[in-house]
Amino acid sequence: MRSGSGAITVEDYIRSQESSVTERLLMLRTFIFDVVPQAEEKMSYGMPSYHYQGPLIYFGAFKNHIGIYPTAEPIVKFAEQLKGYKTSKGAIQLPHNKDLPLDLIRKILLYRYNKLQSKT
């Protein structure tokens, strides 16, 4: 729901996408909470973001893919497993015509969670 300030919620963001993309985003959102139930959800940089003592992951919907943004370190750490995906310093593109790589996303989330936990 939009507030008087024009802010958009994660729910608004997800529901504003095409139905096939909405399904994928809802699956990803649920999966993130399954892996890290303590994650805090908010909008950041215009996209859904999930935090636990710091940023865990962000995601955004695009025409041909979902972009996930787990920060740069996991992309280096899991480079071998990411070979089939387009990546950049802090982003991974998950094409709409492929299943979401949930096992890999779980590893990335747990890696980020453990890194953030070790900072406290």
PDB file of N, CA and C in Angstrom:
ATOM      1  N   MET A   1       0.837  -1.180   0.000  1.00  0.00           N
ATOM      2  CA  MET A   1       0.000   0.000   0.000  1.00  0.00           C
ATOM      3  C   MET A   1       0.880   1.240   0.000  1.00  0.00           C
ATOM      4  N   ARG A   2       0.529   2.210  -0.786  1.00  0.00           N
ATOM      5  CA  ARG A   2       1.299   3.454  -0.840  1.00  0.00           C
ATOM      6  C   ARG A   2       0.906   4.355   0.317  1.00  0.00           C
ATOM      7  N   SER A   3       1.889   4.993   0.894  1.00  0.00           N
ATOM      8  CA  SER A   3       1.597   5.956   1.956  1.00  0.00           C
ATOM      9  C   SER A   3       1.562   7.347   1.336  1.00  0.00           C
ATOM     10  N   GLY A   4       1.268   8.338   2.135  1.00  0.00           N
ATOM     11  CA  GLY A   4       1.216   9.710   1.646  1.00  0.00           C
ATOM     12  C   GLY A   4       2.544  10.169   1.065  1.00  0.00           C
ATOM     13  N   SER A   5       3.633   9.525   1.479  1.00  0.00           N
ATOM     14  CA  SER A   5       4.959   9.923   0.993  1.00  0.00           C
ATOM     15  C   SER A   5       5.285   9.289  -0.356  1.00  0.00           C
ATOM     16  N   GLY A   6       4.373   8.460  -0.869  1.00  0.00           N
ATOM     17  CA  GLY A   6       4.630   7.808  -2.153  1.00  0.00           C
ATOM     18  C   GLY A   6       5.448   6.542  -2.016  1.00  0.00           C
ATOM     19  N   ALA A   7       5.684   6.093  -0.769  1.00  0.00           N
ATOM     20  CA  ALA A   7       6.469   4.885  -0.551  1.00  0.00           C
ATOM     21  C   ALA A   7       5.697   3.671  -1.047  1.00  0.00           C
ATOM     22  N   ILE A   8       6.427   2.706  -1.531  1.00  0.00           N
ATOM     23  CA  ILE A   8       5.835   1.461  -2.016  1.00  0.00           C
ATOM     24  C   ILE A   8       6.302   0.344  -1.080  1.00  0.00           C
ATOM     25  N   THR A   9       5.425  -0.599  -0.818  1.00  0.00           N
ATOM     26  CA  THR A   9       5.788  -1.727   0.037  1.00  0.00           C
ATOM     27  C   THR A   9       6.328  -2.871  -0.824  1.00  0.00           C
ATOM     28  N   VAL A  10       6.929  -3.845  -0.161  1.00  0.00           N
ATOM     29  CA  VAL A  10       7.402  -5.036  -0.867  1.00  0.00           C
ATOM     30  C   VAL A  10       6.222  -5.722  -1.545  1.00  0.00           C
ATOM     31  N   GLU A  11       5.107  -5.814  -0.841  1.00  0.00           N
ATOM     32  CA  GLU A  11       3.905  -6.438  -1.412  1.00  0.00           C
ATOM     33  C   GLU A  11       3.474  -5.711  -2.686  1.00  0.00           C
ATOM     34  N   ASP A  12       3.454  -4.369  -2.650  1.00  0.00           N
ATOM     35  CA  ASP A  12       3.099  -3.582  -3.835  1.00  0.00           C
ATOM     36  C   ASP A  12       4.047  -3.884  -4.986  1.00  0.00           C
ATOM     37  N   TYR A  13       5.328  -3.905  -4.677  1.00  0.00           N
ATOM     38  CA  TYR A  13       6.347  -4.151  -5.702  1.00  0.00           C
ATOM     39  C   TYR A  13       6.093  -5.500  -6.378  1.00  0.00           C
ATOM     40  N   ILE A  14       5.916  -6.527  -5.580  1.00  0.00           N
ATOM     41  CA  ILE A  14       5.727  -7.869  -6.119  1.00  0.00           C
ATOM     42  C   ILE A  14       4.435  -7.952  -6.927  1.00  0.00           C
ATOM     43  N   ARG A  15       3.362  -7.417  -6.394  1.00  0.00           N
ATOM     44  CA  ARG A  15       2.051  -7.504  -7.050  1.00  0.00           C
ATOM     45  C   ARG A  15       1.976  -6.647  -8.312  1.00  0.00           C
ATOM     46  N   SER A  16       2.896  -5.715  -8.490  1.00  0.00           N
ATOM     47  CA  SER A  16       2.881  -4.857  -9.677  1.00  0.00           C
ATOM     48  C   SER A  16       3.515  -5.522 -10.901  1.00  0.00           C
ATOM     49  N   GLN A  17       4.088  -6.716 -10.725  1.00  0.00           N
ATOM     50  CA  GLN A  17       4.759  -7.421 -11.822  1.00  0.00           C
ATOM     51  C   GLN A  17       3.751  -8.285 -12.588  1.00  0.00           C
ATOM     52  N   GLU A  18       4.162  -8.762 -13.756  1.00  0.00           N
ATOM     53  CA  GLU A  18       3.336  -9.720 -14.508  1.00  0.00           C
ATOM     54  C   GLU A  18       3.108 -10.948 -13.633  1.00  0.00           C
ATOM     55  N   SER A  19       1.976 -11.634 -13.822  1.00  0.00           N
ATOM     56  CA  SER A  19       1.602 -12.734 -12.930  1.00  0.00           C
ATOM     57  C   SER A  19       2.665 -13.833 -12.845  1.00  0.00           C
ATOM     58  N   SER A  20       3.289 -14.195 -13.957  1.00  0.00           N
ATOM     59  CA  SER A  20       4.306 -15.249 -13.913  1.00  0.00           C
ATOM     60  C   SER A  20       5.521 -14.798 -13.092  1.00  0.00           C
ATOM     61  N   VAL A  21       5.855 -13.524 -13.176  1.00  0.00           N
ATOM     62  CA  VAL A  21       6.981 -12.985 -12.405  1.00  0.00           C
ATOM     63  C   VAL A  21       6.575 -12.846 -10.945  1.00  0.00           C
ATOM     64  N   THR A  22       5.339 -12.419 -10.702  1.00  0.00           N
ATOM     65  CA  THR A  22       4.835 -12.311  -9.328  1.00  0.00           C
ATOM     66  C   THR A  22       4.978 -13.643  -8.604  1.00  0.00           C
ATOM     67  N   GLU A  23       4.606 -14.732  -9.272  1.00  0.00           N
ATOM     68  CA  GLU A  23       4.734 -16.070  -8.678  1.00  0.00           C
ATOM     69  C   GLU A  23       6.172 -16.361  -8.276  1.00  0.00           C
ATOM     70  N   ARG A  24       7.101 -16.053  -9.166  1.00  0.00           N
ATOM     71  CA  ARG A  24       8.529 -16.315  -8.895  1.00  0.00           C
ATOM     72  C   ARG A  24       9.030 -15.459  -7.735  1.00  0.00           C
ATOM     73  N   LEU A  25       8.603 -14.198  -7.700  1.00  0.00           N
ATOM     74  CA  LEU A  25       9.031 -13.303  -6.618  1.00  0.00           C
ATOM     75  C   LEU A  25       8.445 -13.743  -5.281  1.00  0.00           C
ATOM     76  N   LEU A  26       7.185 -14.165  -5.278  1.00  0.00           N
ATOM     77  CA  LEU A  26       6.575 -14.656  -4.040  1.00  0.00           C
ATOM     78  C   LEU A  26       7.287 -15.915  -3.551  1.00  0.00           C
ATOM     79  N   MET A  27       7.652 -16.799  -4.484  1.00  0.00           N
ATOM     80  CA  MET A  27       8.397 -18.002  -4.121  1.00  0.00           C
ATOM     81  C   MET A  27       9.744 -17.620  -3.506  1.00  0.00           C
ATOM     82  N   LEU A  28      10.441 -16.677  -4.122  1.00  0.00           N
ATOM     83  CA  LEU A  28      11.740 -16.236  -3.623  1.00  0.00           C
ATOM     84  C   LEU A  28      11.603 -15.595  -2.249  1.00  0.00           C
ATOM     85  N   ARG A  29      10.598 -14.752  -2.093  1.00  0.00           N
ATOM     86  CA  ARG A  29      10.361 -14.074  -0.805  1.00  0.00           C
ATOM     87  C   ARG A  29      10.115 -15.113   0.301  1.00  0.00           C
ATOM     88  N   THR A  30       9.235 -16.072   0.045  1.00  0.00           N
ATOM     89  CA  THR A  30       8.940 -17.118   1.019  1.00  0.00           C
ATOM     90  C   THR A  30      10.193 -17.928   1.326  1.00  0.00           C
ATOM     91  N   PHE A  31      10.955 -18.233   0.295  1.00  0.00           N
ATOM     92  CA  PHE A  31      12.172 -19.022   0.461  1.00  0.00           C
ATOM     93  C   PHE A  31      13.178 -18.297   1.349  1.00  0.00           C
ATOM     94  N   ILE A  32      13.344 -17.003   1.151  1.00  0.00           N
ATOM     95  CA  ILE A  32      14.279 -16.220   1.970  1.00  0.00           C
ATOM     96  C   ILE A  32      13.896 -16.338   3.437  1.00  0.00           C
ATOM     97  N   PHE A  33      12.604 -16.183   3.752  1.00  0.00           N
ATOM     98  CA  PHE A  33      12.152 -16.288   5.140  1.00  0.00           C
ATOM     99  C   PHE A  33      12.269 -17.718   5.674  1.00  0.00           C
ATOM    100  N   ASP A  34      12.130 -18.726   4.812  1.00  0.00           N
ATOM    101  CA  ASP A  34      12.326 -20.109   5.244  1.00  0.00           C
ATOM    102  C   ASP A  34      13.777 -20.345   5.661  1.00  0.00           C
ATOM    103  N   VAL A  35      14.701 -19.762   4.919  1.00  0.00           N
ATOM    104  CA  VAL A  35      16.127 -19.956   5.195  1.00  0.00           C
ATOM    105  C   VAL A  35      16.594 -19.089   6.363  1.00  0.00           C
ATOM    106  N   VAL A  36      16.142 -17.841   6.406  1.00  0.00           N
ATOM    107  CA  VAL A  36      16.539 -16.915   7.467  1.00  0.00           C
ATOM    108  C   VAL A  36      15.264 -16.278   8.052  1.00  0.00           C
ATOM    109  N   PRO A  37      14.587 -16.999   8.953  1.00  0.00           N
ATOM    110  CA  PRO A  37      13.317 -16.495   9.492  1.00  0.00           C
ATOM    111  C   PRO A  37      13.436 -15.149  10.198  1.00  0.00           C
ATOM    112  N   GLN A  38      14.629 -14.828  10.695  1.00  0.00           N
ATOM    113  CA  GLN A  38      14.841 -13.570  11.412  1.00  0.00           C
ATOM    114  C   GLN A  38      15.042 -12.377  10.484  1.00  0.00           C
ATOM    115  N   ALA A  39      15.061 -12.613   9.190  1.00  0.00           N
ATOM    116  CA  ALA A  39      15.323 -11.524   8.235  1.00  0.00           C
ATOM    117  C   ALA A  39      14.262 -10.434   8.362  1.00  0.00           C
ATOM    118  N   GLU A  40      14.719  -9.211   8.226  1.00  0.00           N
ATOM    119  CA  GLU A  40      13.831  -8.056   8.204  1.00  0.00           C
ATOM    120  C   GLU A  40      13.652  -7.650   6.750  1.00  0.00           C
ATOM    121  N   GLU A  41      12.413  -7.475   6.341  1.00  0.00           N
ATOM    122  CA  GLU A  41      12.083  -7.130   4.956  1.00  0.00           C
ATOM    123  C   GLU A  41      11.766  -5.643   4.864  1.00  0.00           C
ATOM    124  N   LYS A  42      12.301  -4.996   3.846  1.00  0.00           N
ATOM    125  CA  LYS A  42      11.962  -3.597   3.589  1.00  0.00           C
ATOM    126  C   LYS A  42      12.296  -3.270   2.138  1.00  0.00           C
ATOM    127  N   MET A  43      11.844  -2.129   1.711  1.00  0.00           N
ATOM    128  CA  MET A  43      12.216  -1.637   0.392  1.00  0.00           C
ATOM    129  C   MET A  43      13.500  -0.823   0.552  1.00  0.00           C
ATOM    130  N   SER A  44      14.443  -1.040  -0.336  1.00  0.00           N
ATOM    131  CA  SER A  44      15.709  -0.310  -0.314  1.00  0.00           C
ATOM    132  C   SER A  44      16.219  -0.239  -1.750  1.00  0.00           C
ATOM    133  N   TYR A  45      16.675   0.920  -2.156  1.00  0.00           N
ATOM    134  CA  TYR A  45      17.119   1.125  -3.539  1.00  0.00           C
ATOM    135  C   TYR A  45      16.015   0.774  -4.541  1.00  0.00           C
ATOM    136  N   GLY A  46      14.754   0.953  -4.138  1.00  0.00           N
ATOM    137  CA  GLY A  46      13.630   0.698  -5.024  1.00  0.00           C
ATOM    138  C   GLY A  46      13.289  -0.764  -5.238  1.00  0.00           C
ATOM    139  N   MET A  47      13.840  -1.649  -4.402  1.00  0.00           N
ATOM    140  CA  MET A  47      13.566  -3.075  -4.555  1.00  0.00           C
ATOM    141  C   MET A  47      13.449  -3.740  -3.186  1.00  0.00           C
ATOM    142  N   PRO A  48      12.829  -4.923  -3.133  1.00  0.00           N
ATOM    143  CA  PRO A  48      12.756  -5.659  -1.871  1.00  0.00           C
ATOM    144  C   PRO A  48      14.161  -5.998  -1.372  1.00  0.00           C
ATOM    145  N   SER A  49      14.332  -5.828  -0.061  1.00  0.00           N
ATOM    146  CA  SER A  49      15.624  -6.156   0.531  1.00  0.00           C
ATOM    147  C   SER A  49      15.395  -6.866   1.855  1.00  0.00           C
ATOM    148  N   TYR A  50      16.358  -7.680   2.214  1.00  0.00           N
ATOM    149  CA  TYR A  50      16.272  -8.512   3.404  1.00  0.00           C
ATOM    150  C   TYR A  50      17.553  -8.337   4.196  1.00  0.00           C
ATOM    151  N   HIS A  51      17.375  -8.081   5.495  1.00  0.00           N
ATOM    152  CA  HIS A  51      18.509  -7.722   6.346  1.00  0.00           C
ATOM    153  C   HIS A  51      18.504  -8.563   7.611  1.00  0.00           C
ATOM    154  N   TYR A  52      19.694  -8.850   8.097  1.00  0.00           N
ATOM    155  CA  TYR A  52      19.890  -9.473   9.398  1.00  0.00           C
ATOM    156  C   TYR A  52      21.244  -8.974   9.877  1.00  0.00           C
ATOM    157  N   GLN A  53      21.239  -8.027  10.758  1.00  0.00           N
ATOM    158  CA  GLN A  53      22.486  -7.414  11.230  1.00  0.00           C
ATOM    159  C   GLN A  53      23.297  -6.867  10.049  1.00  0.00           C
ATOM    160  N   GLY A  54      22.623  -6.487   9.002  1.00  0.00           N
ATOM    161  CA  GLY A  54      23.238  -5.989   7.775  1.00  0.00           C
ATOM    162  C   GLY A  54      22.502  -6.588   6.588  1.00  0.00           C
ATOM    163  N   PRO A  55      22.856  -6.177   5.376  1.00  0.00           N
ATOM    164  CA  PRO A  55      22.144  -6.669   4.195  1.00  0.00           C
ATOM    165  C   PRO A  55      22.448  -8.135   3.888  1.00  0.00           C
ATOM    166  N   LEU A  56      21.372  -8.919   3.729  1.00  0.00           N
ATOM    167  CA  LEU A  56      21.501 -10.316   3.295  1.00  0.00           C
ATOM    168  C   LEU A  56      21.429 -10.396   1.779  1.00  0.00           C
ATOM    169  N   ILE A  57      20.322  -9.863   1.234  1.00  0.00           N
ATOM    170  CA  ILE A  57      20.080  -9.980  -0.199  1.00  0.00           C
ATOM    171  C   ILE A  57      19.000  -8.982  -0.613  1.00  0.00           C
ATOM    172  N   TYR A  58      19.078  -8.550  -1.833  1.00  0.00           N
ATOM    173  CA  TYR A  58      18.053  -7.713  -2.467  1.00  0.00           C
ATOM    174  C   TYR A  58      17.604  -8.470  -3.714  1.00  0.00           C
ATOM    175  N   PHE A  59      16.394  -8.158  -4.205  1.00  0.00           N
ATOM    176  CA  PHE A  59      16.021  -8.701  -5.512  1.00  0.00           C
ATOM    177  C   PHE A  59      15.170  -7.709  -6.282  1.00  0.00           C
ATOM    178  N   GLY A  60      15.224  -7.842  -7.592  1.00  0.00           N
ATOM    179  CA  GLY A  60      14.446  -6.968  -8.458  1.00  0.00           C
ATOM    180  C   GLY A  60      13.987  -7.724  -9.697  1.00  0.00           C
ATOM    181  N   ALA A  61      12.825  -7.321 -10.204  1.00  0.00           N
ATOM    182  CA  ALA A  61      12.261  -7.955 -11.402  1.00  0.00           C
ATOM    183  C   ALA A  61      12.609  -7.135 -12.633  1.00  0.00           C
ATOM    184  N   PHE A  62      13.009  -7.817 -13.678  1.00  0.00           N
ATOM    185  CA  PHE A  62      13.342  -7.201 -14.950  1.00  0.00           C
ATOM    186  C   PHE A  62      12.642  -7.970 -16.064  1.00  0.00           C
ATOM    187  N   LYS A  63      12.697  -7.450 -17.261  1.00  0.00           N
ATOM    188  CA  LYS A  63      11.963  -8.042 -18.380  1.00  0.00           C
ATOM    189  C   LYS A  63      12.278  -9.527 -18.570  1.00  0.00           C
ATOM    190  N   ASN A  64      13.560  -9.874 -18.553  1.00  0.00           N
ATOM    191  CA  ASN A  64      13.964 -11.243 -18.866  1.00  0.00           C
ATOM    192  C   ASN A  64      14.533 -12.027 -17.689  1.00  0.00           C
ATOM    193  N   HIS A  65      14.627 -11.389 -16.532  1.00  0.00           N
ATOM    194  CA  HIS A  65      15.248 -12.073 -15.400  1.00  0.00           C
ATOM    195  C   HIS A  65      14.839 -11.448 -14.066  1.00  0.00           C
ATOM    196  N   ILE A  66      15.165 -12.159 -13.000  1.00  0.00           N
ATOM    197  CA  ILE A  66      15.142 -11.605 -11.653  1.00  0.00           C
ATOM    198  C   ILE A  66      16.596 -11.368 -11.296  1.00  0.00           C
ATOM    199  N   GLY A  67      16.894 -10.185 -10.832  1.00  0.00           N
ATOM    200  CA  GLY A  67      18.242  -9.901 -10.355  1.00  0.00           C
ATOM    201  C   GLY A  67      18.276 -10.107  -8.857  1.00  0.00           C
ATOM    202  N   ILE A  68      19.266 -10.846  -8.382  1.00  0.00           N
ATOM    203  CA  ILE A  68      19.484 -10.922  -6.942  1.00  0.00           C
ATOM    204  C   ILE A  68      20.829 -10.284  -6.639  1.00  0.00           C
ATOM    205  N   TYR A  69      20.873  -9.628  -5.505  1.00  0.00           N
ATOM    206  CA  TYR A  69      22.029  -8.819  -5.139  1.00  0.00           C
ATOM    207  C   TYR A  69      22.464  -9.203  -3.725  1.00  0.00           C
ATOM    208  N   PRO A  70      23.358 -10.187  -3.610  1.00  0.00           N
ATOM    209  CA  PRO A  70      23.784 -10.670  -2.299  1.00  0.00           C
ATOM    210  C   PRO A  70      25.079 -10.010  -1.793  1.00  0.00           C
ATOM    211  N   THR A  71      25.474  -8.909  -2.379  1.00  0.00           N
ATOM    212  CA  THR A  71      26.775  -8.248  -2.205  1.00  0.00           C
ATOM    213  C   THR A  71      27.823  -9.009  -3.023  1.00  0.00           C
ATOM    214  N   ALA A  72      28.996  -8.466  -3.111  1.00  0.00           N
ATOM    215  CA  ALA A  72      30.021  -9.013  -4.015  1.00  0.00           C
ATOM    216  C   ALA A  72      30.661 -10.310  -3.535  1.00  0.00           C
ATOM    217  N   GLU A  73      30.882 -10.458  -2.248  1.00  0.00           N
ATOM    218  CA  GLU A  73      31.653 -11.593  -1.734  1.00  0.00           C
ATOM    219  C   GLU A  73      31.064 -12.968  -2.096  1.00  0.00           C
ATOM    220  N   PRO A  74      29.749 -13.188  -1.951  1.00  0.00           N
ATOM    221  CA  PRO A  74      29.211 -14.503  -2.322  1.00  0.00           C
ATOM    222  C   PRO A  74      29.351 -14.815  -3.819  1.00  0.00           C
ATOM    223  N   ILE A  75      29.373 -13.802  -4.637  1.00  0.00           N
ATOM    224  CA  ILE A  75      29.521 -14.033  -6.077  1.00  0.00           C
ATOM    225  C   ILE A  75      30.909 -14.587  -6.377  1.00  0.00           C
ATOM    226  N   VAL A  76      31.893 -14.108  -5.656  1.00  0.00           N
ATOM    227  CA  VAL A  76      33.251 -14.650  -5.782  1.00  0.00           C
ATOM    228  C   VAL A  76      33.302 -16.052  -5.174  1.00  0.00           C
ATOM    229  N   LYS A  77      32.746 -16.200  -3.980  1.00  0.00           N
ATOM    230  CA  LYS A  77      32.771 -17.482  -3.254  1.00  0.00           C
ATOM    231  C   LYS A  77      32.108 -18.609  -4.063  1.00  0.00           C
ATOM    232  N   PHE A  78      30.976 -18.303  -4.720  1.00  0.00           N
ATOM    233  CA  PHE A  78      30.226 -19.328  -5.447  1.00  0.00           C
ATOM    234  C   PHE A  78      30.387 -19.209  -6.966  1.00  0.00           C
ATOM    235  N   ALA A  79      31.479 -18.632  -7.409  1.00  0.00           N
ATOM    236  CA  ALA A  79      31.710 -18.387  -8.839  1.00  0.00           C
ATOM    237  C   ALA A  79      31.576 -19.656  -9.679  1.00  0.00           C
ATOM    238  N   GLU A  80      32.087 -20.754  -9.182  1.00  0.00           N
ATOM    239  CA  GLU A  80      32.029 -22.017  -9.937  1.00  0.00           C
ATOM    240  C   GLU A  80      30.576 -22.452 -10.158  1.00  0.00           C
ATOM    241  N   GLN A  81      29.757 -22.340  -9.124  1.00  0.00           N
ATOM    242  CA  GLN A  81      28.348 -22.750  -9.219  1.00  0.00           C
ATOM    243  C   GLN A  81      27.499 -21.741  -9.996  1.00  0.00           C
ATOM    244  N   LEU A  82      28.026 -20.536 -10.176  1.00  0.00           N
ATOM    245  CA  LEU A  82      27.297 -19.483 -10.890  1.00  0.00           C
ATOM    246  C   LEU A  82      27.657 -19.407 -12.373  1.00  0.00           C
ATOM    247  N   LYS A  83      28.476 -20.325 -12.849  1.00  0.00           N
ATOM    248  CA  LYS A  83      28.951 -20.262 -14.238  1.00  0.00           C
ATOM    249  C   LYS A  83      27.838 -20.198 -15.269  1.00  0.00           C
ATOM    250  N   GLY A  84      26.690 -20.770 -14.996  1.00  0.00           N
ATOM    251  CA  GLY A  84      25.598 -20.757 -15.957  1.00  0.00           C
ATOM    252  C   GLY A  84      24.743 -19.502 -15.919  1.00  0.00           C
ATOM    253  N   TYR A  85      25.136 -18.525 -15.095  1.00  0.00           N
ATOM    254  CA  TYR A  85      24.353 -17.303 -14.920  1.00  0.00           C
ATOM    255  C   TYR A  85      25.190 -16.079 -15.235  1.00  0.00           C
ATOM    256  N   LYS A  86      24.529 -15.048 -15.715  1.00  0.00           N
ATOM    257  CA  LYS A  86      25.202 -13.773 -15.931  1.00  0.00           C
ATOM    258  C   LYS A  86      25.370 -13.104 -14.565  1.00  0.00           C
ATOM    259  N   THR A  87      26.592 -12.707 -14.257  1.00  0.00           N
ATOM    260  CA  THR A  87      26.878 -12.056 -12.982  1.00  0.00           C
ATOM    261  C   THR A  87      27.685 -10.787 -13.216  1.00  0.00           C
ATOM    262  N   SER A  88      27.672  -9.943 -12.218  1.00  0.00           N
ATOM    263  CA  SER A  88      28.562  -8.786 -12.174  1.00  0.00           C
ATOM    264  C   SER A  88      29.068  -8.701 -10.743  1.00  0.00           C
ATOM    265  N   LYS A  89      29.736  -7.639 -10.395  1.00  0.00           N
ATOM    266  CA  LYS A  89      30.366  -7.550  -9.079  1.00  0.00           C
ATOM    267  C   LYS A  89      29.414  -7.880  -7.929  1.00  0.00           C
ATOM    268  N   GLY A  90      28.173  -7.396  -7.989  1.00  0.00           N
ATOM    269  CA  GLY A  90      27.254  -7.632  -6.883  1.00  0.00           C
ATOM    270  C   GLY A  90      25.920  -8.208  -7.289  1.00  0.00           C
ATOM    271  N   ALA A  91      25.799  -8.687  -8.531  1.00  0.00           N
ATOM    272  CA  ALA A  91      24.496  -9.113  -9.037  1.00  0.00           C
ATOM    273  C   ALA A  91      24.558 -10.466  -9.740  1.00  0.00           C
ATOM    274  N   ILE A  92      23.423 -11.167  -9.660  1.00  0.00           N
ATOM    275  CA  ILE A  92      23.242 -12.435 -10.362  1.00  0.00           C
ATOM    276  C   ILE A  92      21.915 -12.340 -11.103  1.00  0.00           C
ATOM    277  N   GLN A  93      21.917 -12.672 -12.386  1.00  0.00           N
ATOM    278  CA  GLN A  93      20.686 -12.660 -13.169  1.00  0.00           C
ATOM    279  C   GLN A  93      20.129 -14.080 -13.257  1.00  0.00           C
ATOM    280  N   LEU A  94      18.866 -14.217 -12.835  1.00  0.00           N
ATOM    281  CA  LEU A  94      18.181 -15.501 -12.884  1.00  0.00           C
ATOM    282  C   LEU A  94      17.108 -15.417 -13.964  1.00  0.00           C
ATOM    283  N   PRO A  95      17.368 -15.983 -15.148  1.00  0.00           N
ATOM    284  CA  PRO A  95      16.434 -15.855 -16.265  1.00  0.00           C
ATOM    285  C   PRO A  95      15.061 -16.432 -15.944  1.00  0.00           C
ATOM    286  N   HIS A  96      14.030 -15.798 -16.479  1.00  0.00           N
ATOM    287  CA  HIS A  96      12.660 -16.255 -16.267  1.00  0.00           C
ATOM    288  C   HIS A  96      12.400 -17.628 -16.885  1.00  0.00           C
ATOM    289  N   ASN A  97      13.194 -18.000 -17.879  1.00  0.00           N
ATOM    290  CA  ASN A  97      12.954 -19.287 -18.548  1.00  0.00           C
ATOM    291  C   ASN A  97      13.688 -20.458 -17.877  1.00  0.00           C
ATOM    292  N   LYS A  98      14.245 -20.226 -16.691  1.00  0.00           N
ATOM    293  CA  LYS A  98      14.905 -21.283 -15.918  1.00  0.00           C
ATOM    294  C   LYS A  98      14.298 -21.309 -14.523  1.00  0.00           C
ATOM    295  N   ASP A  99      14.270 -22.485 -13.912  1.00  0.00           N
ATOM    296  CA  ASP A  99      13.827 -22.583 -12.520  1.00  0.00           C
ATOM    297  C   ASP A  99      14.780 -21.785 -11.630  1.00  0.00           C
ATOM    298  N   LEU A 100      14.241 -21.267 -10.526  1.00  0.00           N
ATOM    299  CA  LEU A 100      15.103 -20.587  -9.560  1.00  0.00           C
ATOM    300  C   LEU A 100      16.043 -21.621  -8.945  1.00  0.00           C
ATOM    301  N   PRO A 101      17.340 -21.320  -8.862  1.00  0.00           N
ATOM    302  CA  PRO A 101      18.302 -22.270  -8.287  1.00  0.00           C
ATOM    303  C   PRO A 101      18.267 -22.199  -6.751  1.00  0.00           C
ATOM    304  N   LEU A 102      17.221 -22.774  -6.168  1.00  0.00           N
ATOM    305  CA  LEU A 102      16.990 -22.613  -4.730  1.00  0.00           C
ATOM    306  C   LEU A 102      18.119 -23.167  -3.875  1.00  0.00           C
ATOM    307  N   ASP A 103      18.729 -24.271  -4.273  1.00  0.00           N
ATOM    308  CA  ASP A 103      19.854 -24.805  -3.488  1.00  0.00           C
ATOM    309  C   ASP A 103      21.002 -23.800  -3.436  1.00  0.00           C
ATOM    310  N   LEU A 104      21.295 -23.198  -4.569  1.00  0.00           N
ATOM    311  CA  LEU A 104      22.363 -22.208  -4.630  1.00  0.00           C
ATOM    312  C   LEU A 104      21.980 -20.944  -3.858  1.00  0.00           C
ATOM    313  N   ILE A 105      20.751 -20.498  -3.992  1.00  0.00           N
ATOM    314  CA  ILE A 105      20.300 -19.316  -3.248  1.00  0.00           C
ATOM    315  C   ILE A 105      20.386 -19.591  -1.749  1.00  0.00           C
ATOM    316  N   ARG A 106      20.018 -20.810  -1.322  1.00  0.00           N
ATOM    317  CA  ARG A 106      20.135 -21.178   0.102  1.00  0.00           C
ATOM    318  C   ARG A 106      21.589 -21.042   0.565  1.00  0.00           C
ATOM    319  N   LYS A 107      22.523 -21.571  -0.221  1.00  0.00           N
ATOM    320  CA  LYS A 107      23.945 -21.488   0.141  1.00  0.00           C
ATOM    321  C   LYS A 107      24.390 -20.035   0.260  1.00  0.00           C
ATOM    322  N   ILE A 108      23.951 -19.209  -0.674  1.00  0.00           N
ATOM    323  CA  ILE A 108      24.321 -17.791  -0.658  1.00  0.00           C
ATOM    324  C   ILE A 108      23.739 -17.105   0.571  1.00  0.00           C
ATOM    325  N   LEU A 109      22.468 -17.359   0.857  1.00  0.00           N
ATOM    326  CA  LEU A 109      21.825 -16.756   2.031  1.00  0.00           C
ATOM    327  C   LEU A 109      22.519 -17.186   3.321  1.00  0.00           C
ATOM    328  N   LEU A 110      22.806 -18.469   3.452  1.00  0.00           N
ATOM    329  CA  LEU A 110      23.469 -18.949   4.668  1.00  0.00           C
ATOM    330  C   LEU A 110      24.884 -18.405   4.784  1.00  0.00           C
ATOM    331  N   TYR A 111      25.548 -18.271   3.672  1.00  0.00           N
ATOM    332  CA  TYR A 111      26.889 -17.667   3.676  1.00  0.00           C
ATOM    333  C   TYR A 111      26.811 -16.234   4.193  1.00  0.00           C
ATOM    334  N   ARG A 112      25.878 -15.449   3.650  1.00  0.00           N
ATOM    335  CA  ARG A 112      25.711 -14.049   4.095  1.00  0.00           C
ATOM    336  C   ARG A 112      25.311 -14.006   5.572  1.00  0.00           C
ATOM    337  N   TYR A 113      24.370 -14.850   5.972  1.00  0.00           N
ATOM    338  CA  TYR A 113      23.894 -14.896   7.356  1.00  0.00           C
ATOM    339  C   TYR A 113      25.064 -15.183   8.309  1.00  0.00           C
ATOM    340  N   ASN A 114      25.858 -16.202   7.984  1.00  0.00           N
ATOM    341  CA  ASN A 114      26.989 -16.554   8.831  1.00  0.00           C
ATOM    342  C   ASN A 114      28.030 -15.443   8.891  1.00  0.00           C
ATOM    343  N   LYS A 115      28.273 -14.786   7.754  1.00  0.00           N
ATOM    344  CA  LYS A 115      29.212 -13.658   7.726  1.00  0.00           C
ATOM    345  C   LYS A 115      28.720 -12.539   8.624  1.00  0.00           C
ATOM    346  N   LEU A 116      27.433 -12.217   8.529  1.00  0.00           N
ATOM    347  CA  LEU A 116      26.875 -11.139   9.348  1.00  0.00           C
ATOM    348  C   LEU A 116      26.850 -11.503  10.813  1.00  0.00           C
ATOM    349  N   GLN A 117      26.561 -12.743  11.116  1.00  0.00           N
ATOM    350  CA  GLN A 117      26.538 -13.192  12.510  1.00  0.00           C
ATOM    351  C   GLN A 117      27.934 -13.140  13.126  1.00  0.00           C
ATOM    352  N   SER A 118      28.950 -13.437  12.353  1.00  0.00           N
ATOM    353  CA  SER A 118      30.314 -13.448  12.883  1.00  0.00           C
ATOM    354  C   SER A 118      30.848 -12.054  13.158  1.00  0.00           C
ATOM    355  N   LYS A 119      30.147 -11.030  12.654  1.00  0.00           N
ATOM    356  CA  LYS A 119      30.576  -9.651  12.893  1.00  0.00           C
ATOM    357  C   LYS A 119      30.139  -9.134  14.263  1.00  0.00           C
ATOM    358  N   THR A 120      29.242  -9.886  14.922  1.00  0.00           N
ATOM    359  CA  THR A 120      28.746  -9.409  16.222  1.00  0.00           C
ATOM    360  C   THR A 120      29.528 -10.003  17.361  1.00  0.00           C
TER     361      THR A 120
END
